[in-house]
N, C-alpha and C. Protein backbone atom coordinates (compact mmCIF):
# COMPACT_ATOMS: atom_id res chain seq x y z
N MET A 1 -12.53 17.00 4.11
CA MET A 1 -12.31 16.33 2.96
C MET A 1 -11.56 14.62 3.70
N TYR A 2 -12.10 14.20 3.19
CA TYR A 2 -11.57 12.29 3.29
C TYR A 2 -10.91 11.84 2.00
N ARG A 3 -9.68 11.51 2.27
CA ARG A 3 -8.78 11.50 1.34
C ARG A 3 -8.25 10.09 1.02
N VAL A 4 -7.63 9.51 0.33
CA VAL A 4 -7.32 7.62 0.16
C VAL A 4 -6.26 7.43 1.18
N PRO A 5 -5.13 8.48 1.53
CA PRO A 5 -4.41 7.99 2.35
C PRO A 5 -4.77 8.04 3.73
N ASP A 6 -5.77 8.87 4.12
CA ASP A 6 -6.50 8.64 5.08
C ASP A 6 -7.62 7.45 5.59
N HIS A 7 -8.43 7.23 5.04
CA HIS A 7 -8.85 5.87 4.68
C HIS A 7 -8.29 4.49 4.63
N CYS A 8 -6.87 4.57 4.02
CA CYS A 8 -6.07 3.63 4.32
C CYS A 8 -5.47 3.57 5.69
N ALA A 9 -5.10 4.36 6.24
CA ALA A 9 -4.69 4.87 7.43
C ALA A 9 -5.44 4.11 8.51
N GLN A 10 -7.01 4.70 8.65
CA GLN A 10 -7.68 4.18 9.30
C GLN A 10 -8.11 2.75 9.05
N SER A 11 -8.56 2.34 8.00
CA SER A 11 -8.51 1.11 8.05
C SER A 11 -7.89 0.02 8.31
N GLU A 12 -6.26 0.45 7.89
CA GLU A 12 -5.23 -0.20 8.93
C GLU A 12 -5.35 -0.41 10.31
N PHE A 13 -5.52 0.58 11.26
CA PHE A 13 -4.87 0.74 12.49
C PHE A 13 -6.57 0.51 13.14
N ARG A 14 -7.64 0.62 12.25
CA ARG A 14 -8.85 -0.64 12.93
C ARG A 14 -8.90 -2.19 13.10
N ALA A 15 -7.95 -2.41 11.96
CA ALA A 15 -8.03 -3.84 12.06
C ALA A 15 -6.97 -3.95 13.13
N TYR A 16 -6.03 -3.20 13.41
CA TYR A 16 -5.04 -3.37 14.33
C TYR A 16 -6.09 -3.55 15.98
N TRP A 17 -6.51 -2.53 15.74
CA TRP A 17 -7.42 -2.14 16.99
C TRP A 17 -8.44 -3.37 17.64
N ALA A 18 -9.08 -3.88 16.09
CA ALA A 18 -9.89 -5.26 16.46
C ALA A 18 -8.82 -6.63 16.44
N LEU A 19 -8.16 -6.44 16.30
CA LEU A 19 -7.29 -7.52 16.84
C LEU A 19 -7.00 -7.81 18.29
N LYS A 20 -6.95 -7.10 18.86
CA LYS A 20 -6.43 -6.71 20.75
C LYS A 20 -7.77 -7.24 21.31
N PRO A 21 -7.21 -8.00 22.21
CA PRO A 21 -8.43 -8.66 23.30
C PRO A 21 -9.50 -7.80 23.92
N GLN A 22 -10.86 -8.03 23.79
CA GLN A 22 -11.43 -7.08 24.29
C GLN A 22 -11.48 -6.30 25.68
N GLU A 23 -10.90 -6.86 26.57
CA GLU A 23 -9.96 -6.89 27.94
C GLU A 23 -8.83 -5.59 27.81
N GLU A 24 -7.80 -5.89 27.19
CA GLU A 24 -7.22 -4.96 26.84
C GLU A 24 -7.59 -3.42 26.19
N ILE A 25 -8.49 -3.69 25.60
CA ILE A 25 -9.14 -2.46 24.75
C ILE A 25 -9.60 -1.87 25.96
N ARG A 26 -10.52 -2.38 26.81
CA ARG A 26 -11.17 -1.80 28.11
C ARG A 26 -10.21 -0.97 28.77
N GLU A 27 -9.23 -1.75 29.29
CA GLU A 27 -8.01 -1.34 29.98
C GLU A 27 -7.60 0.00 29.53
N ILE A 28 -7.38 -0.23 27.98
CA ILE A 28 -6.74 1.00 27.22
C ILE A 28 -7.19 2.02 27.40
N LEU A 29 -9.03 2.07 27.08
CA LEU A 29 -9.72 3.37 27.13
C LEU A 29 -10.28 3.89 28.74
N GLU A 30 -10.03 2.86 29.46
CA GLU A 30 -10.36 3.53 31.14
C GLU A 30 -8.94 4.51 31.31
N GLU A 31 -7.69 3.73 31.46
CA GLU A 31 -6.20 4.07 31.69
C GLU A 31 -5.97 5.55 30.92
N GLN A 32 -6.03 5.44 29.73
CA GLN A 32 -6.05 6.60 28.56
C GLN A 32 -6.70 7.48 28.27
N GLY A 33 -8.02 7.49 28.81
CA GLY A 33 -8.85 8.47 28.89
C GLY A 33 -9.29 8.52 27.30
N ILE A 34 -9.22 7.46 26.62
CA ILE A 34 -9.04 7.92 25.36
C ILE A 34 -10.62 7.23 25.03
N SER A 35 -11.20 8.00 23.40
CA SER A 35 -12.49 7.18 23.05
C SER A 35 -12.74 6.20 21.72
N ASP A 36 -11.39 6.44 21.44
CA ASP A 36 -11.65 5.03 20.18
C ASP A 36 -9.82 5.18 19.94
N PHE A 37 -9.80 4.13 18.31
CA PHE A 37 -8.34 3.30 18.39
C PHE A 37 -8.01 4.81 17.62
N ARG A 38 -8.52 5.92 17.21
CA ARG A 38 -7.64 6.78 16.23
C ARG A 38 -6.94 7.69 17.60
N GLU A 39 -7.25 8.02 18.56
CA GLU A 39 -6.49 8.85 19.93
C GLU A 39 -5.07 7.48 20.48
N PHE A 40 -5.84 6.35 20.32
CA PHE A 40 -4.58 5.64 20.75
C PHE A 40 -3.30 5.34 19.61
N TYR A 41 -3.43 5.48 18.11
CA TYR A 41 -2.77 5.36 17.63
C TYR A 41 -2.66 6.54 16.84
N LYS A 42 -2.51 7.67 17.14
CA LYS A 42 -2.34 8.82 16.45
C LYS A 42 -1.19 9.27 15.83
N SER A 43 -0.19 8.89 16.82
CA SER A 43 1.38 9.10 16.35
C SER A 43 1.49 8.23 14.83
N GLU A 44 1.50 7.29 15.28
CA GLU A 44 1.22 6.13 14.33
C GLU A 44 0.41 6.61 12.63
N MET A 45 -0.61 6.92 13.16
CA MET A 45 -1.28 6.96 11.56
C MET A 45 -1.18 8.61 11.25
N ARG A 46 -0.41 9.45 11.95
CA ARG A 46 -0.01 10.30 10.82
C ARG A 46 1.17 9.83 10.14
N GLU A 47 2.27 8.97 11.06
CA GLU A 47 3.37 8.24 10.14
C GLU A 47 2.39 7.96 8.69
N ALA A 48 1.50 6.82 9.13
CA ALA A 48 1.24 5.70 8.00
C ALA A 48 0.66 6.56 6.49
N ARG A 49 -0.41 7.97 7.27
CA ARG A 49 -0.78 8.68 6.16
C ARG A 49 0.18 9.56 5.34
N THR A 50 1.35 9.62 5.79
CA THR A 50 2.28 9.96 4.72
C THR A 50 3.14 9.17 4.24
N ALA A 51 3.31 7.93 4.34
CA ALA A 51 3.40 6.87 4.04
C ALA A 51 2.64 6.62 2.73
N TYR A 52 1.75 6.11 3.02
CA TYR A 52 0.56 6.31 1.97
C TYR A 52 0.58 7.57 1.03
N HIS A 53 0.94 8.31 1.37
CA HIS A 53 0.52 9.63 0.34
C HIS A 53 1.56 9.44 -0.59
N THR A 54 2.58 9.33 0.15
CA THR A 54 4.11 9.06 -0.61
C THR A 54 4.15 8.19 -1.52
N VAL A 55 3.51 7.28 -1.44
CA VAL A 55 3.34 6.00 -2.58
C VAL A 55 2.36 5.85 -3.75
N LEU A 56 1.04 6.45 -2.95
CA LEU A 56 0.20 6.47 -4.20
C LEU A 56 0.22 7.92 -5.16
N SER A 57 1.16 8.55 -4.53
CA SER A 57 1.36 9.90 -5.14
C SER A 57 2.10 9.75 -6.19
N HIS A 58 3.36 8.65 -6.10
CA HIS A 58 4.67 8.81 -6.57
C HIS A 58 4.43 8.57 -7.90
N GLY A 59 4.86 8.80 -9.09
CA GLY A 59 5.41 9.05 -11.05
C GLY A 59 5.24 7.38 -10.90
N SER A 60 5.95 6.47 -10.35
CA SER A 60 5.83 5.41 -10.82
C SER A 60 5.11 4.42 -10.18
N LEU A 61 3.77 4.89 -10.03
CA LEU A 61 3.04 3.91 -9.65
C LEU A 61 1.95 3.74 -10.71
N TYR A 62 1.51 2.74 -11.04
CA TYR A 62 0.52 2.71 -12.05
C TYR A 62 -0.62 1.44 -11.59
N THR A 63 -1.84 1.92 -11.96
CA THR A 63 -3.00 1.03 -11.38
C THR A 63 -4.07 0.76 -12.43
N GLY A 64 -4.43 -0.29 -12.24
CA GLY A 64 -5.56 -1.15 -13.45
C GLY A 64 -6.62 -1.80 -13.00
N HIS A 65 -7.70 -2.09 -13.28
CA HIS A 65 -8.56 -3.12 -12.95
C HIS A 65 -8.40 -4.26 -13.00
N VAL A 66 -8.16 -4.95 -12.17
CA VAL A 66 -7.99 -6.71 -12.01
C VAL A 66 -8.28 -7.49 -13.44
N THR A 67 -9.61 -7.11 -13.37
CA THR A 67 -10.50 -7.99 -14.70
C THR A 67 -10.50 -7.25 -16.11
N ASN A 68 -9.40 -6.05 -16.04
CA ASN A 68 -9.05 -5.79 -17.38
C ASN A 68 -7.78 -5.78 -17.89
N VAL A 69 -7.62 -7.09 -18.54
CA VAL A 69 -6.20 -7.42 -18.60
C VAL A 69 -5.63 -7.14 -19.80
N GLU A 70 -6.19 -6.66 -20.78
CA GLU A 70 -5.84 -5.76 -21.68
C GLU A 70 -4.98 -4.48 -21.14
N GLN A 71 -5.92 -3.67 -20.31
CA GLN A 71 -5.34 -2.62 -20.00
C GLN A 71 -4.09 -2.83 -19.25
N LEU A 72 -3.89 -3.88 -18.39
CA LEU A 72 -2.90 -4.30 -17.61
C LEU A 72 -1.98 -4.63 -18.53
N LYS A 73 -2.02 -5.21 -19.33
CA LYS A 73 -0.87 -5.91 -20.15
C LYS A 73 -0.47 -4.61 -20.78
N HIS A 74 -0.98 -3.35 -21.49
CA HIS A 74 -0.26 -2.45 -21.83
C HIS A 74 -0.08 -1.41 -21.04
N LEU A 75 -0.41 -1.64 -19.90
CA LEU A 75 0.47 -1.04 -18.53
C LEU A 75 1.84 -1.49 -18.17
N VAL A 76 1.79 -2.75 -18.41
CA VAL A 76 3.36 -3.40 -18.76
C VAL A 76 4.43 -3.18 -19.08
N ASN A 77 3.55 -3.17 -20.71
CA ASN A 77 4.24 -3.56 -21.76
C ASN A 77 4.57 -2.01 -22.92
N HIS A 78 3.74 -1.00 -22.19
CA HIS A 78 3.84 0.10 -23.10
C HIS A 78 4.38 1.67 -21.70
N LYS A 79 4.31 1.43 -20.29
CA LYS A 79 4.20 2.07 -19.56
C LYS A 79 5.55 1.85 -18.51
N MET A 80 5.24 0.68 -17.93
CA MET A 80 6.44 0.08 -17.03
C MET A 80 7.83 -0.16 -17.59
N MET A 81 7.61 -1.03 -18.88
CA MET A 81 8.81 -1.45 -19.54
C MET A 81 9.87 0.15 -20.45
N ASP A 82 8.53 1.09 -20.27
CA ASP A 82 9.38 2.15 -21.22
C ASP A 82 10.04 3.33 -20.28
N ASN A 83 10.08 3.20 -19.15
CA ASN A 83 10.64 4.19 -18.25
C ASN A 83 11.90 3.98 -17.84
N ASN A 84 12.70 3.32 -18.46
CA ASN A 84 14.28 3.06 -18.54
C ASN A 84 14.32 2.63 -16.78
N GLY A 85 13.60 1.88 -16.46
CA GLY A 85 13.80 1.25 -14.78
C GLY A 85 14.61 0.05 -15.33
N LEU A 86 14.64 -0.50 -16.40
CA LEU A 86 15.62 -1.80 -16.52
C LEU A 86 16.55 -1.51 -16.82
N PRO A 87 17.86 -2.51 -16.58
CA PRO A 87 19.02 -2.20 -16.55
C PRO A 87 19.52 -2.46 -18.49
N GLU A 88 20.60 -1.62 -18.74
CA GLU A 88 20.71 -1.41 -20.42
C GLU A 88 21.05 -3.21 -20.81
N CYS A 89 21.64 -3.70 -20.02
CA CYS A 89 22.60 -4.82 -20.39
C CYS A 89 21.51 -6.30 -19.79
N ASN A 90 22.28 -7.49 -19.77
CA ASN A 90 21.63 -8.43 -19.19
C ASN A 90 22.09 -8.89 -18.26
N THR A 91 21.56 -8.13 -17.19
CA THR A 91 22.11 -8.30 -15.98
C THR A 91 21.23 -9.16 -14.75
N LEU A 92 21.63 -10.07 -13.72
CA LEU A 92 20.98 -10.73 -13.11
C LEU A 92 19.86 -9.74 -12.64
N GLU A 93 19.76 -8.69 -11.91
CA GLU A 93 18.71 -8.08 -12.07
C GLU A 93 17.50 -7.71 -12.61
N GLY A 94 18.49 -7.14 -13.80
CA GLY A 94 17.54 -7.29 -14.98
C GLY A 94 16.57 -8.43 -15.16
N LEU A 95 16.82 -9.58 -15.11
CA LEU A 95 16.20 -11.26 -15.50
C LEU A 95 15.70 -11.08 -14.38
N LEU A 96 15.96 -10.72 -13.35
CA LEU A 96 14.70 -11.02 -12.03
C LEU A 96 13.35 -10.06 -12.28
N VAL A 97 14.01 -9.06 -13.09
CA VAL A 97 12.86 -7.82 -12.71
C VAL A 97 11.82 -8.48 -13.87
N LEU A 98 12.14 -9.14 -15.15
CA LEU A 98 11.63 -9.48 -16.23
C LEU A 98 10.73 -11.12 -15.67
N ARG A 99 11.59 -11.77 -14.88
CA ARG A 99 11.19 -12.83 -14.40
C ARG A 99 9.77 -12.75 -13.41
N GLN A 100 9.65 -11.38 -12.41
CA GLN A 100 8.70 -11.30 -12.11
C GLN A 100 7.17 -10.46 -12.50
N VAL A 101 7.79 -9.63 -13.70
CA VAL A 101 6.46 -9.44 -14.42
C VAL A 101 6.08 -10.50 -15.08
N SER A 102 6.38 -11.44 -15.66
CA SER A 102 6.05 -12.83 -16.58
C SER A 102 5.33 -13.49 -15.30
N ILE A 103 5.36 -13.59 -14.24
CA ILE A 103 5.02 -14.26 -13.11
C ILE A 103 3.54 -13.52 -12.84
N CYS A 104 3.74 -11.96 -12.66
CA CYS A 104 2.59 -11.60 -12.37
C CYS A 104 1.21 -11.49 -13.95
N MET A 105 1.92 -12.05 -14.87
CA MET A 105 1.14 -12.11 -15.90
C MET A 105 0.46 -13.50 -15.68
N TYR A 106 0.80 -14.12 -15.54
CA TYR A 106 0.14 -15.75 -15.37
C TYR A 106 -0.68 -16.00 -13.87
N VAL A 107 -0.38 -15.15 -12.83
CA VAL A 107 -0.96 -15.45 -11.56
C VAL A 107 -2.55 -14.80 -11.85
């Protein structure tokens, strides 16, 4: 079964592999007797899959399609702001969070 964290990790490390010069890739393949990037990055990919899974399955992750502005506004105003993640008083931290949300609304 192919899952999103697997896809993300493979895409990330495939891109790293593609950045290597072809000569270096040939040397790695010959010296280590491996067939592709997945064997070379095996342990790092395992850690990356775990990190992707942790982020993507967290309860504080909200998603929406970039073209559906109304859905994104609803997520920000009714889901993200209602999760008590903001400070109870007007602190510098709270103002910075609101500023980031405002910037995201206009970008």
